[in-house]
C-alpha cells in the first residue's frame, strides 16, 4: 500500500512513517516543516526506497493536487496539525487556519483525486484526532465514540471542526474515511514543549519542573509507537465511516506522572544530592484546563483486537532512556520559537 502521511516529520506522524516503512508500505511524507517538525525524526528511513518526502502546506491546494497526481497514493493518513494547547491560547488563528482550513483543502484534493480514479472502494482517508474534542470528565466515566463533542480550547475546537468536516465529506460525497481520537501521546522524538520532555530536560538542567495548578489533572497516556501500530490497524481493517478511540489504558495525574519521571531519572542519572522531585514547582494553571480525560477503548479492542503493549511506567522509562541517549536531537530544538517559555498565559 502507498500511504500519503501528512505531518510525517512531527512526533506522531514520524512514528507512523517509521513503522509503515518497516512493514513494507510505500510512504510519501508531506510536511510543511513548521516549528515542531524535524526531519531527524525520519532520518532512519530517509534513504529507504519506499520513502519519499514532499515539503508542502496542507492549505496549498495546488501543491496537494500535484502531490496526489505524482505519487498516486492508496490512502491518506492525516496527522498534520497545530497541536499545542498553550500556543492555541496565545495564537488561535494558526490553529483555525491549519486544522480547519487545511483539513478542508486536503479533503477536497483527496476527493478530486479519488473521483478521477473512478472512486475506488479500496481508497482510505484516515483522519487522526484527539480525545480533547470531547471536553472534560469528572472523577469517573470515560469517553466513548458516542460522547458528545464539547471542546474547551481553541486547539480542541479546531480539531472538533476538522472531525466534523471529515464525517461530512463521507456522508455527502461518499469519501471512504475512517477516524481515530487518541489520548495523550508520549515517547521518543516528542517535541520539547510538551509536559514529559519539559520535565525530563528541565530536570537534567537543574531547572524547576512546572506543574499547572495542583497537579490533579488526569490524562490517559499512550506510548507513541503503540499509537502508530493502532493507526495502521484502523487504516487497514477499520469500518468505513466509523471512528475508533485509541487509549493507553494508563490514567495518571500530572503530579503522579512527574513524580514517576523523577524516580526514573533518580535511578538512571542520579543527582549528586537529593532527588529530581525536589525541583517540582507548582505554577498558575492554564486557562480552561480540562480536569480529566479517559478513553473507553472497547470498540478498537473488540472489533480489531488491539490493546496497548506497554504500561506507562515501562513507556516512561523507555522515553527517559531515549532522551538521555539523544542529547544532540533535543539540544538542536531548544532554540526554536517558544521552546522553554511559559505559553498560554495571554487569556
C-alpha atoms as a PDB file:
ATOM      1  CA  UNK A   1       0.000   0.000   0.000  1.00  0.00           C
ATOM      2  CA  UNK A   2       1.222   3.521  -0.759  1.00  0.00           C
ATOM      3  CA  UNK A   3       0.443   5.970   2.046  1.00  0.00           C
ATOM      4  CA  UNK A   4       0.386   9.744   1.937  1.00  0.00           C
ATOM      5  CA  UNK A   5       1.150  10.801   5.520  1.00  0.00           C
ATOM      6  CA  UNK A   6       0.605  14.458   6.342  1.00  0.00           C
ATOM      7  CA  UNK A   7       2.695  15.796   9.200  1.00  0.00           C
ATOM      8  CA  UNK A   8       5.124  12.914   8.864  1.00  0.00           C
ATOM      9  CA  UNK A   9       8.045  14.895  10.284  1.00  0.00           C
ATOM     10  CA  UNK A  10       6.191  15.557  13.513  1.00  0.00           C
ATOM     11  CA  UNK A  11       6.034  13.487  16.670  1.00  0.00           C
ATOM     12  CA  UNK A  12       3.184  11.041  15.959  1.00  0.00           C
ATOM     13  CA  UNK A  13       3.476  11.298  12.177  1.00  0.00           C
ATOM     14  CA  UNK A  14       7.124  10.273  12.182  1.00  0.00           C
ATOM     15  CA  UNK A  15       6.317   7.225  14.312  1.00  0.00           C
ATOM     16  CA  UNK A  16       3.715   6.248  11.708  1.00  0.00           C
ATOM     17  CA  UNK A  17       6.209   6.797   8.872  1.00  0.00           C
ATOM     18  CA  UNK A  18       8.929   4.710  10.514  1.00  0.00           C
ATOM     19  CA  UNK A  19       6.561   1.834  11.325  1.00  0.00           C
ATOM     20  CA  UNK A  20       4.836   1.864   7.930  1.00  0.00           C
ATOM     21  CA  UNK A  21       8.144   1.664   6.066  1.00  0.00           C
ATOM     22  CA  UNK A  22       9.311  -1.119   8.383  1.00  0.00           C
ATOM     23  CA  UNK A  23       6.155  -3.058   7.460  1.00  0.00           C
ATOM     24  CA  UNK A  24       6.765  -2.698   3.744  1.00  0.00           C
ATOM     25  CA  UNK A  25       4.416   0.168   2.873  1.00  0.00           C
ATOM     26  CA  UNK A  26       5.481   2.903   0.480  1.00  0.00           C
ATOM     27  CA  UNK A  27       5.255   6.238   2.277  1.00  0.00           C
ATOM     28  CA  UNK A  28       5.079   9.798   0.976  1.00  0.00           C
ATOM     29  CA  UNK A  29       5.753  12.169   3.860  1.00  0.00           C
ATOM     30  CA  UNK A  30       4.044  15.532   3.290  1.00  0.00           C
ATOM     31  CA  UNK A  31       5.143  18.132   5.817  1.00  0.00           C
ATOM     32  CA  UNK A  32       5.375  21.920   5.821  1.00  0.00           C
ATOM     33  CA  UNK A  33       8.323  21.758   8.276  1.00  0.00           C
ATOM     34  CA  UNK A  34       6.899  24.271  10.719  1.00  0.00           C
ATOM     35  CA  UNK A  35       8.480  24.865  14.142  1.00  0.00           C
ATOM     36  CA  UNK A  36       7.600  21.445  15.641  1.00  0.00           C
ATOM     37  CA  UNK A  37       8.691  19.347  12.656  1.00  0.00           C
ATOM     38  CA  UNK A  38      12.108  17.747  12.414  1.00  0.00           C
ATOM     39  CA  UNK A  39      13.446  15.659   9.544  1.00  0.00           C
ATOM     40  CA  UNK A  40      15.792  13.960  12.008  1.00  0.00           C
ATOM     41  CA  UNK A  41      12.660  12.144  13.209  1.00  0.00           C
ATOM     42  CA  UNK A  42      12.608  10.166   9.951  1.00  0.00           C
ATOM     43  CA  UNK A  43      16.356  10.029   9.310  1.00  0.00           C
ATOM     44  CA  UNK A  44      16.321   6.246   9.799  1.00  0.00           C
ATOM     45  CA  UNK A  45      14.153   5.814   6.669  1.00  0.00           C
ATOM     46  CA  UNK A  46      15.230   8.858   4.637  1.00  0.00           C
ATOM     47  CA  UNK A  47      17.265   6.795   2.170  1.00  0.00           C
ATOM     48  CA  UNK A  48      14.847   3.865   2.020  1.00  0.00           C
ATOM     49  CA  UNK A  49      13.465   3.094  -1.466  1.00  0.00           C
ATOM     50  CA  UNK A  50       9.932   3.013  -0.013  1.00  0.00           C
ATOM     51  CA  UNK A  51      10.178   6.570   1.339  1.00  0.00           C
ATOM     52  CA  UNK A  52       9.656   9.946  -0.336  1.00  0.00           C
ATOM     53  CA  UNK A  53       9.408  13.454   1.114  1.00  0.00           C
ATOM     54  CA  UNK A  54       7.359  16.408  -0.107  1.00  0.00           C
ATOM     55  CA  UNK A  55       7.614  19.769   1.624  1.00  0.00           C
ATOM     56  CA  UNK A  56       4.193  21.373   1.273  1.00  0.00           C
ATOM     57  CA  UNK A  57       1.472  23.068   3.286  1.00  0.00           C
ATOM     58  CA  UNK A  58      -1.892  21.313   3.503  1.00  0.00           C
ATOM     59  CA  UNK A  59      -3.530  24.700   2.898  1.00  0.00           C
ATOM     60  CA  UNK A  60      -1.932  24.841  -0.583  1.00  0.00           C
ATOM     61  CA  UNK A  61      -4.441  23.124  -2.884  1.00  0.00           C
ATOM     62  CA  UNK A  62      -2.207  23.332  -5.967  1.00  0.00           C
ATOM     63  CA  UNK A  63       0.644  21.632  -4.125  1.00  0.00           C
ATOM     64  CA  UNK A  64      -1.702  18.928  -2.820  1.00  0.00           C
ATOM     65  CA  UNK A  65      -3.054  18.251  -6.308  1.00  0.00           C
ATOM     66  CA  UNK A  66       0.460  17.967  -7.687  1.00  0.00           C
ATOM     67  CA  UNK A  67       1.478  15.537  -4.916  1.00  0.00           C
ATOM     68  CA  UNK A  68      -1.597  13.330  -5.381  1.00  0.00           C
ATOM     69  CA  UNK A  69      -1.023  13.220  -9.139  1.00  0.00           C
ATOM     70  CA  UNK A  70       2.685  12.482  -8.802  1.00  0.00           C
ATOM     71  CA  UNK A  71       2.530   9.765  -6.152  1.00  0.00           C
ATOM     72  CA  UNK A  72      -0.900   8.149  -6.679  1.00  0.00           C
ATOM     73  CA  UNK A  73      -1.441   7.078  -3.044  1.00  0.00           C
ATOM     74  CA  UNK A  74      -3.790   4.309  -1.979  1.00  0.00           C
ATOM     75  CA  UNK A  75      -4.578   6.027   1.308  1.00  0.00           C
ATOM     76  CA  UNK A  76      -4.147   9.277   3.229  1.00  0.00           C
ATOM     77  CA  UNK A  77      -3.207   9.386   6.895  1.00  0.00           C
ATOM     78  CA  UNK A  78      -3.898  12.935   8.024  1.00  0.00           C
ATOM     79  CA  UNK A  79      -1.804  13.893  11.049  1.00  0.00           C
ATOM     80  CA  UNK A  80      -0.678  17.415  10.091  1.00  0.00           C
ATOM     81  CA  UNK A  81      -1.986  19.831  12.725  1.00  0.00           C
ATOM     82  CA  UNK A  82      -1.137  22.557  15.156  1.00  0.00           C
ATOM     83  CA  UNK A  83      -1.427  20.687  18.441  1.00  0.00           C
ATOM     84  CA  UNK A  84      -0.115  22.613  21.458  1.00  0.00           C
ATOM     85  CA  UNK A  85      -2.969  23.858  23.648  1.00  0.00           C
ATOM     86  CA  UNK A  86      -0.903  26.647  25.211  1.00  0.00           C
ATOM     87  CA  UNK A  87       0.063  28.005  21.791  1.00  0.00           C
ATOM     88  CA  UNK A  88      -3.600  27.898  20.750  1.00  0.00           C
ATOM     89  CA  UNK A  89      -4.468  30.146  23.686  1.00  0.00           C
ATOM     90  CA  UNK A  90      -1.861  32.715  22.650  1.00  0.00           C
ATOM     91  CA  UNK A  91      -2.480  32.487  18.890  1.00  0.00           C
ATOM     92  CA  UNK A  92      -5.683  30.677  17.870  1.00  0.00           C
ATOM     93  CA  UNK A  93      -5.572  31.862  14.252  1.00  0.00           C
ATOM     94  CA  UNK A  94      -2.879  29.393  13.211  1.00  0.00           C
ATOM     95  CA  UNK A  95      -4.970  26.552  14.620  1.00  0.00           C
ATOM     96  CA  UNK A  96      -8.093  27.548  12.717  1.00  0.00           C
ATOM     97  CA  UNK A  97      -6.119  28.057   9.513  1.00  0.00           C
ATOM     98  CA  UNK A  98      -4.172  24.784   9.605  1.00  0.00           C
ATOM     99  CA  UNK A  99      -6.530  22.425  11.394  1.00  0.00           C
ATOM    100  CA  UNK A 100      -9.799  23.585   9.849  1.00  0.00           C
ATOM    101  CA  UNK A 101      -8.987  25.237   6.501  1.00  0.00           C
ATOM    102  CA  UNK A 102      -6.065  22.865   5.912  1.00  0.00           C
ATOM    103  CA  UNK A 103      -8.222  19.812   6.512  1.00  0.00           C
ATOM    104  CA  UNK A 104     -10.800  21.209   4.101  1.00  0.00           C
ATOM    105  CA  UNK A 105      -8.176  21.679   1.369  1.00  0.00           C
ATOM    106  CA  UNK A 106      -6.831  18.161   1.933  1.00  0.00           C
ATOM    107  CA  UNK A 107     -10.319  16.657   1.825  1.00  0.00           C
ATOM    108  CA  UNK A 108     -11.094  18.422  -1.438  1.00  0.00           C
ATOM    109  CA  UNK A 109      -7.779  17.397  -3.007  1.00  0.00           C
ATOM    110  CA  UNK A 110      -8.327  13.802  -1.874  1.00  0.00           C
ATOM    111  CA  UNK A 111     -11.914  13.809  -3.153  1.00  0.00           C
ATOM    112  CA  UNK A 112     -10.901  15.104  -6.578  1.00  0.00           C
ATOM    113  CA  UNK A 113      -8.138  12.514  -6.821  1.00  0.00           C
ATOM    114  CA  UNK A 114     -10.440   9.683  -5.680  1.00  0.00           C
ATOM    115  CA  UNK A 115     -13.174  10.655  -8.119  1.00  0.00           C
ATOM    116  CA  UNK A 116     -10.704  10.956 -11.005  1.00  0.00           C
ATOM    117  CA  UNK A 117      -9.518   7.406 -10.206  1.00  0.00           C
ATOM    118  CA  UNK A 118     -13.091   6.112 -10.515  1.00  0.00           C
ATOM    119  CA  UNK A 119     -13.971   6.208  -6.790  1.00  0.00           C
ATOM    120  CA  UNK A 120     -12.080   3.012  -5.841  1.00  0.00           C
ATOM    121  CA  UNK A 121     -13.572   1.237  -2.847  1.00  0.00           C
ATOM    122  CA  UNK A 122     -10.090   0.437  -1.561  1.00  0.00           C
ATOM    123  CA  UNK A 123      -9.101   4.104  -1.086  1.00  0.00           C
ATOM    124  CA  UNK A 124      -8.971   5.365   2.505  1.00  0.00           C
ATOM    125  CA  UNK A 125      -8.806   8.798   4.139  1.00  0.00           C
ATOM    126  CA  UNK A 126      -7.772   8.280   7.760  1.00  0.00           C
ATOM    127  CA  UNK A 127      -8.242  11.352   9.924  1.00  0.00           C
ATOM    128  CA  UNK A 128      -6.305  11.325  13.205  1.00  0.00           C
ATOM    129  CA  UNK A 129      -7.741  13.437  16.021  1.00  0.00           C
ATOM    130  CA  UNK A 130      -7.705  13.833  19.794  1.00  0.00           C
ATOM    131  CA  UNK A 131      -9.805  12.977  22.834  1.00  0.00           C
ATOM    132  CA  UNK A 132      -9.757  16.679  23.743  1.00  0.00           C
ATOM    133  CA  UNK A 133     -12.691  17.258  21.372  1.00  0.00           C
ATOM    134  CA  UNK A 134     -14.923  15.566  23.975  1.00  0.00           C
ATOM    135  CA  UNK A 135     -14.226  18.156  26.668  1.00  0.00           C
ATOM    136  CA  UNK A 136     -13.557  17.373  30.312  1.00  0.00           C
ATOM    137  CA  UNK A 137     -14.571  14.484  32.570  1.00  0.00           C
ATOM    138  CA  UNK A 138     -15.227  14.384  36.286  1.00  0.00           C
ATOM    139  CA  UNK A 139     -13.708  11.829  38.620  1.00  0.00           C
ATOM    140  CA  UNK A 140     -15.493   8.947  36.871  1.00  0.00           C
ATOM    141  CA  UNK A 141     -16.527   7.941  33.379  1.00  0.00           C
ATOM    142  CA  UNK A 142     -14.758   7.565  30.038  1.00  0.00           C
ATOM    143  CA  UNK A 143     -15.045   8.997  26.549  1.00  0.00           C
ATOM    144  CA  UNK A 144     -16.679   6.695  24.012  1.00  0.00           C
ATOM    145  CA  UNK A 145     -17.131   7.206  20.298  1.00  0.00           C
ATOM    146  CA  UNK A 146     -20.674   8.425  21.064  1.00  0.00           C
ATOM    147  CA  UNK A 147     -19.631  11.051  23.628  1.00  0.00           C
ATOM    148  CA  UNK A 148     -20.978  14.464  22.564  1.00  0.00           C
ATOM    149  CA  UNK A 149     -18.341  16.926  21.426  1.00  0.00           C
ATOM    150  CA  UNK A 150     -17.574  19.676  23.969  1.00  0.00           C
ATOM    151  CA  UNK A 151     -14.200  21.284  23.094  1.00  0.00           C
ATOM    152  CA  UNK A 152     -12.838  23.784  25.632  1.00  0.00           C
ATOM    153  CA  UNK A 153      -9.714  25.288  23.984  1.00  0.00           C
ATOM    154  CA  UNK A 154      -9.028  26.836  20.585  1.00  0.00           C
ATOM    155  CA  UNK A 155      -6.944  23.736  19.785  1.00  0.00           C
ATOM    156  CA  UNK A 156      -9.665  21.220  20.635  1.00  0.00           C
ATOM    157  CA  UNK A 157     -12.311  23.351  18.912  1.00  0.00           C
ATOM    158  CA  UNK A 158     -10.246  23.376  15.715  1.00  0.00           C
ATOM    159  CA  UNK A 159      -9.820  19.595  15.869  1.00  0.00           C
ATOM    160  CA  UNK A 160     -13.535  19.122  16.539  1.00  0.00           C
ATOM    161  CA  UNK A 161     -14.293  21.186  13.440  1.00  0.00           C
ATOM    162  CA  UNK A 162     -11.923  19.080  11.351  1.00  0.00           C
ATOM    163  CA  UNK A 163     -13.560  15.882  12.642  1.00  0.00           C
ATOM    164  CA  UNK A 164     -16.955  17.170  11.548  1.00  0.00           C
ATOM    165  CA  UNK A 165     -15.633  18.098   8.106  1.00  0.00           C
ATOM    166  CA  UNK A 166     -14.281  14.587   7.571  1.00  0.00           C
ATOM    167  CA  UNK A 167     -17.588  12.996   8.565  1.00  0.00           C
ATOM    168  CA  UNK A 168     -19.470  15.418   6.315  1.00  0.00           C
ATOM    169  CA  UNK A 169     -17.280  14.564   3.305  1.00  0.00           C
ATOM    170  CA  UNK A 170     -18.017  10.888   3.955  1.00  0.00           C
ATOM    171  CA  UNK A 171     -21.784  11.315   4.231  1.00  0.00           C
ATOM    172  CA  UNK A 172     -22.164  13.942   1.491  1.00  0.00           C
ATOM    173  CA  UNK A 173     -19.653  12.783  -1.105  1.00  0.00           C
ATOM    174  CA  UNK A 174     -19.069   9.155  -0.147  1.00  0.00           C
ATOM    175  CA  UNK A 175     -15.359   9.686   0.530  1.00  0.00           C
ATOM    176  CA  UNK A 176     -14.127   6.472   2.216  1.00  0.00           C
ATOM    177  CA  UNK A 177     -12.991   7.683   5.635  1.00  0.00           C
ATOM    178  CA  UNK A 178     -12.027   6.248   8.984  1.00  0.00           C
ATOM    179  CA  UNK A 179     -11.367   8.346  12.066  1.00  0.00           C
ATOM    180  CA  UNK A 180      -9.479   7.952  15.317  1.00  0.00           C
ATOM    181  CA  UNK A 181      -9.350  10.006  18.509  1.00  0.00           C
ATOM    182  CA  UNK A 182      -6.383   9.338  20.765  1.00  0.00           C
ATOM    183  CA  UNK A 183      -5.342  10.105  24.311  1.00  0.00           C
ATOM    184  CA  UNK A 184      -2.132  11.920  25.278  1.00  0.00           C
ATOM    185  CA  UNK A 185       0.899  10.547  23.443  1.00  0.00           C
ATOM    186  CA  UNK A 186       4.465  10.350  24.739  1.00  0.00           C
ATOM    187  CA  UNK A 187       7.703   8.688  23.730  1.00  0.00           C
ATOM    188  CA  UNK A 188      10.815   9.235  21.571  1.00  0.00           C
ATOM    189  CA  UNK A 189      11.021  12.357  19.372  1.00  0.00           C
ATOM    190  CA  UNK A 190       8.443  14.251  21.454  1.00  0.00           C
ATOM    191  CA  UNK A 191       8.953  17.957  20.730  1.00  0.00           C
ATOM    192  CA  UNK A 192      10.408  19.660  23.835  1.00  0.00           C
ATOM    193  CA  UNK A 193       7.456  21.917  24.666  1.00  0.00           C
ATOM    194  CA  UNK A 194       5.077  19.215  25.947  1.00  0.00           C
ATOM    195  CA  UNK A 195       4.910  18.113  29.594  1.00  0.00           C
ATOM    196  CA  UNK A 196       7.021  14.951  29.579  1.00  0.00           C
ATOM    197  CA  UNK A 197      10.017  16.259  27.594  1.00  0.00           C
ATOM    198  CA  UNK A 198       9.847  19.562  29.509  1.00  0.00           C
ATOM    199  CA  UNK A 199      10.117  17.674  32.790  1.00  0.00           C
ATOM    200  CA  UNK A 200      12.982  15.468  31.582  1.00  0.00           C
ATOM    201  CA  UNK A 201      15.020  18.311  30.121  1.00  0.00           C
ATOM    202  CA  UNK A 202      14.352  20.779  32.943  1.00  0.00           C
ATOM    203  CA  UNK A 203      15.321  18.111  35.455  1.00  0.00           C
ATOM    204  CA  UNK A 204      18.631  17.488  33.715  1.00  0.00           C
ATOM    205  CA  UNK A 205      19.288  21.243  33.527  1.00  0.00           C
ATOM    206  CA  UNK A 206      18.547  21.781  37.230  1.00  0.00           C
ATOM    207  CA  UNK A 207      15.532  23.967  36.420  1.00  0.00           C
ATOM    208  CA  UNK A 208      12.103  23.985  38.091  1.00  0.00           C
ATOM    209  CA  UNK A 209       9.676  21.264  36.983  1.00  0.00           C
ATOM    210  CA  UNK A 210       6.487  23.273  36.365  1.00  0.00           C
ATOM    211  CA  UNK A 211       3.142  21.686  37.206  1.00  0.00           C
ATOM    212  CA  UNK A 212      -0.053  23.577  36.404  1.00  0.00           C
ATOM    213  CA  UNK A 213      -2.372  24.214  39.349  1.00  0.00           C
ATOM    214  CA  UNK A 214      -2.191  21.480  41.978  1.00  0.00           C
ATOM    215  CA  UNK A 215      -1.220  18.717  39.538  1.00  0.00           C
ATOM    216  CA  UNK A 216      -4.521  16.873  39.909  1.00  0.00           C
ATOM    217  CA  UNK A 217      -5.442  16.988  36.199  1.00  0.00           C
ATOM    218  CA  UNK A 218      -5.641  13.426  34.885  1.00  0.00           C
ATOM    219  CA  UNK A 219      -4.682  12.144  31.435  1.00  0.00           C
ATOM    220  CA  UNK A 220      -4.639   8.718  29.796  1.00  0.00           C
ATOM    221  CA  UNK A 221      -1.093   8.201  28.470  1.00  0.00           C
ATOM    222  CA  UNK A 222      -0.465   6.363  25.182  1.00  0.00           C
ATOM    223  CA  UNK A 223       3.025   5.349  24.050  1.00  0.00           C
ATOM    224  CA  UNK A 224       3.519   6.785  20.579  1.00  0.00           C
ATOM    225  CA  UNK A 225       4.738   3.552  18.984  1.00  0.00           C
ATOM    226  CA  UNK A 226       1.641   1.765  20.281  1.00  0.00           C
ATOM    227  CA  UNK A 227      -0.423   4.554  18.749  1.00  0.00           C
ATOM    228  CA  UNK A 228       1.278   4.171  15.366  1.00  0.00           C
ATOM    229  CA  UNK A 229       0.507   0.439  15.442  1.00  0.00           C
ATOM    230  CA  UNK A 230      -3.169   1.141  16.180  1.00  0.00           C
ATOM    231  CA  UNK A 231      -3.399   3.748  13.423  1.00  0.00           C
ATOM    232  CA  UNK A 232      -2.129   1.370  10.767  1.00  0.00           C
ATOM    233  CA  UNK A 233      -4.540  -1.294  12.004  1.00  0.00           C
ATOM    234  CA  UNK A 234      -7.519   1.062  11.753  1.00  0.00           C
ATOM    235  CA  UNK A 235      -6.419   2.134   8.281  1.00  0.00           C
ATOM    236  CA  UNK A 236      -6.283  -1.454   7.071  1.00  0.00           C
ATOM    237  CA  UNK A 237      -9.220  -3.007   8.931  1.00  0.00           C
ATOM    238  CA  UNK A 238     -11.440  -0.245  10.300  1.00  0.00           C
ATOM    239  CA  UNK A 239     -15.054   0.028   9.140  1.00  0.00           C
ATOM    240  CA  UNK A 240     -15.710   2.883   6.716  1.00  0.00           C
ATOM    241  CA  UNK A 241     -17.319   5.936   8.263  1.00  0.00           C
ATOM    242  CA  UNK A 242     -16.546   4.674  11.748  1.00  0.00           C
ATOM    243  CA  UNK A 243     -14.449   6.296  14.466  1.00  0.00           C
ATOM    244  CA  UNK A 244     -12.206   4.477  16.936  1.00  0.00           C
ATOM    245  CA  UNK A 245     -10.973   5.798  20.266  1.00  0.00           C
ATOM    246  CA  UNK A 246      -7.360   4.823  20.969  1.00  0.00           C
ATOM    247  CA  UNK A 247      -6.263   4.937  24.599  1.00  0.00           C
ATOM    248  CA  UNK A 248      -3.274   3.790  26.573  1.00  0.00           C
ATOM    249  CA  UNK A 249      -5.334   2.449  29.500  1.00  0.00           C
ATOM    250  CA  UNK A 250      -2.843   4.313  31.696  1.00  0.00           C
ATOM    251  CA  UNK A 251      -4.523   7.147  33.629  1.00  0.00           C
ATOM    252  CA  UNK A 252      -2.225   9.251  35.776  1.00  0.00           C
ATOM    253  CA  UNK A 253      -2.484  12.677  37.381  1.00  0.00           C
ATOM    254  CA  UNK A 254       0.089  15.177  36.184  1.00  0.00           C
ATOM    255  CA  UNK A 255       1.692  15.207  39.633  1.00  0.00           C
ATOM    256  CA  UNK A 256       1.966  11.414  39.777  1.00  0.00           C
ATOM    257  CA  UNK A 257       3.388  11.378  36.252  1.00  0.00           C
ATOM    258  CA  UNK A 258       6.074  13.920  37.108  1.00  0.00           C
ATOM    259  CA  UNK A 259       6.995  12.058  40.295  1.00  0.00           C
ATOM    260  CA  UNK A 260       7.359   8.850  38.267  1.00  0.00           C
ATOM    261  CA  UNK A 261       9.656  10.611  35.804  1.00  0.00           C
ATOM    262  CA  UNK A 262      11.741  11.955  38.679  1.00  0.00           C
ATOM    263  CA  UNK A 263      12.091   8.466  40.173  1.00  0.00           C
ATOM    264  CA  UNK A 264      13.243   7.079  36.807  1.00  0.00           C
ATOM    265  CA  UNK A 265      15.795   9.877  36.443  1.00  0.00           C
ATOM    266  CA  UNK A 266      16.966   9.304  40.025  1.00  0.00           C
ATOM    267  CA  UNK A 267      17.679   5.712  39.011  1.00  0.00           C
ATOM    268  CA  UNK A 268      19.215   6.309  35.572  1.00  0.00           C
ATOM    269  CA  UNK A 269      21.126   9.550  36.195  1.00  0.00           C
ATOM    270  CA  UNK A 270      21.145  10.325  39.927  1.00  0.00           C
ATOM    271  CA  UNK A 271      21.907  13.817  41.180  1.00  0.00           C
ATOM    272  CA  UNK A 272      24.850  14.466  43.467  1.00  0.00           C
ATOM    273  CA  UNK A 273      22.396  15.325  46.237  1.00  0.00           C
ATOM    274  CA  UNK A 274      18.675  14.823  46.686  1.00  0.00           C
ATOM    275  CA  UNK A 275      16.022  13.854  44.163  1.00  0.00           C
ATOM    276  CA  UNK A 276      14.836  15.449  40.957  1.00  0.00           C
ATOM    277  CA  UNK A 277      11.452  15.655  42.704  1.00  0.00           C
ATOM    278  CA  UNK A 278      12.932  18.476  44.778  1.00  0.00           C
ATOM    279  CA  UNK A 279      12.673  20.631  41.622  1.00  0.00           C
ATOM    280  CA  UNK A 280       8.874  20.282  41.345  1.00  0.00           C
ATOM    281  CA  UNK A 281       7.226  23.705  41.274  1.00  0.00           C
ATOM    282  CA  UNK A 282       3.514  24.495  41.088  1.00  0.00           C
ATOM    283  CA  UNK A 283       2.602  27.321  38.708  1.00  0.00           C
ATOM    284  CA  UNK A 284      -0.571  29.210  37.802  1.00  0.00           C
ATOM    285  CA  UNK A 285      -2.963  26.908  35.986  1.00  0.00           C
ATOM    286  CA  UNK A 286      -3.643  27.100  32.249  1.00  0.00           C
ATOM    287  CA  UNK A 287      -6.876  28.949  31.321  1.00  0.00           C
ATOM    288  CA  UNK A 288      -9.712  26.461  30.796  1.00  0.00           C
ATOM    289  CA  UNK A 289      -7.563  23.481  31.809  1.00  0.00           C
ATOM    290  CA  UNK A 290      -9.628  20.282  31.372  1.00  0.00           C
ATOM    291  CA  UNK A 291      -9.762  18.266  34.587  1.00  0.00           C
ATOM    292  CA  UNK A 292      -9.616  14.725  33.251  1.00  0.00           C
ATOM    293  CA  UNK A 293      -9.512  12.736  30.008  1.00  0.00           C
ATOM    294  CA  UNK A 294     -10.076   8.983  29.880  1.00  0.00           C
ATOM    295  CA  UNK A 295     -10.813   6.786  26.869  1.00  0.00           C
ATOM    296  CA  UNK A 296     -13.002   3.712  26.672  1.00  0.00           C
ATOM    297  CA  UNK A 297     -11.118   1.529  24.144  1.00  0.00           C
ATOM    298  CA  UNK A 298     -13.800  -1.166  23.896  1.00  0.00           C
ATOM    299  CA  UNK A 299     -14.553  -0.652  20.190  1.00  0.00           C
ATOM    300  CA  UNK A 300     -10.981  -0.970  18.893  1.00  0.00           C
ATOM    301  CA  UNK A 301     -10.334  -3.867  21.281  1.00  0.00           C
ATOM    302  CA  UNK A 302     -13.460  -5.819  20.385  1.00  0.00           C
ATOM    303  CA  UNK A 303     -13.636  -5.062  16.644  1.00  0.00           C
ATOM    304  CA  UNK A 304      -9.944  -5.014  15.745  1.00  0.00           C
ATOM    305  CA  UNK A 305      -8.272  -6.848  18.617  1.00  0.00           C
ATOM    306  CA  UNK A 306      -5.929  -4.004  19.574  1.00  0.00           C
ATOM    307  CA  UNK A 307      -4.558  -3.191  23.021  1.00  0.00           C
ATOM    308  CA  UNK A 308      -1.524  -1.136  24.098  1.00  0.00           C
ATOM    309  CA  UNK A 309       1.637  -3.158  24.582  1.00  0.00           C
ATOM    310  CA  UNK A 310       3.341  -1.162  27.364  1.00  0.00           C
ATOM    311  CA  UNK A 311       2.333   0.275  30.712  1.00  0.00           C
ATOM    312  CA  UNK A 312       3.004   3.924  31.368  1.00  0.00           C
ATOM    313  CA  UNK A 313       5.868   3.030  33.719  1.00  0.00           C
ATOM    314  CA  UNK A 314       7.550   0.925  31.008  1.00  0.00           C
ATOM    315  CA  UNK A 315       6.946   3.562  28.371  1.00  0.00           C
ATOM    316  CA  UNK A 316       8.227   6.395  30.540  1.00  0.00           C
ATOM    317  CA  UNK A 317      11.450   4.514  31.257  1.00  0.00           C
ATOM    318  CA  UNK A 318      11.963   3.912  27.531  1.00  0.00           C
ATOM    319  CA  UNK A 319      11.290   7.592  26.919  1.00  0.00           C
ATOM    320  CA  UNK A 320      13.759   8.823  29.540  1.00  0.00           C
ATOM    321  CA  UNK A 321      16.395   6.411  28.228  1.00  0.00           C
ATOM    322  CA  UNK A 322      15.848   7.759  24.711  1.00  0.00           C
ATOM    323  CA  UNK A 323      16.276  11.391  25.780  1.00  0.00           C
ATOM    324  CA  UNK A 324      19.414  10.556  27.741  1.00  0.00           C
ATOM    325  CA  UNK A 325      20.870   8.827  24.670  1.00  0.00           C
ATOM    326  CA  UNK A 326      19.835  11.503  22.135  1.00  0.00           C
ATOM    327  CA  UNK A 327      21.021  14.800  23.547  1.00  0.00           C
ATOM    328  CA  UNK A 328      22.034  16.059  20.111  1.00  0.00           C
ATOM    329  CA  UNK A 329      18.451  15.737  18.865  1.00  0.00           C
ATOM    330  CA  UNK A 330      16.792  17.760  21.618  1.00  0.00           C
ATOM    331  CA  UNK A 331      19.512  20.365  22.033  1.00  0.00           C
ATOM    332  CA  UNK A 332      19.110  21.343  18.377  1.00  0.00           C
ATOM    333  CA  UNK A 333      15.407  22.074  19.012  1.00  0.00           C
ATOM    334  CA  UNK A 334      15.728  24.137  22.164  1.00  0.00           C
ATOM    335  CA  UNK A 335      16.424  27.343  20.241  1.00  0.00           C
ATOM    336  CA  UNK A 336      13.141  27.157  18.298  1.00  0.00           C
ATOM    337  CA  UNK A 337      10.420  29.720  18.856  1.00  0.00           C
ATOM    338  CA  UNK A 338       8.684  29.401  22.210  1.00  0.00           C
ATOM    339  CA  UNK A 339      10.620  26.361  23.468  1.00  0.00           C
ATOM    340  CA  UNK A 340      11.444  26.779  27.143  1.00  0.00           C
ATOM    341  CA  UNK A 341       8.954  29.639  27.590  1.00  0.00           C
ATOM    342  CA  UNK A 342       5.684  29.609  29.527  1.00  0.00           C
ATOM    343  CA  UNK A 343       2.970  29.843  26.882  1.00  0.00           C
ATOM    344  CA  UNK A 344      -0.816  30.074  27.111  1.00  0.00           C
ATOM    345  CA  UNK A 345      -0.935  32.969  29.587  1.00  0.00           C
ATOM    346  CA  UNK A 346      -2.439  35.695  27.389  1.00  0.00           C
ATOM    347  CA  UNK A 347      -6.067  34.798  28.044  1.00  0.00           C
END
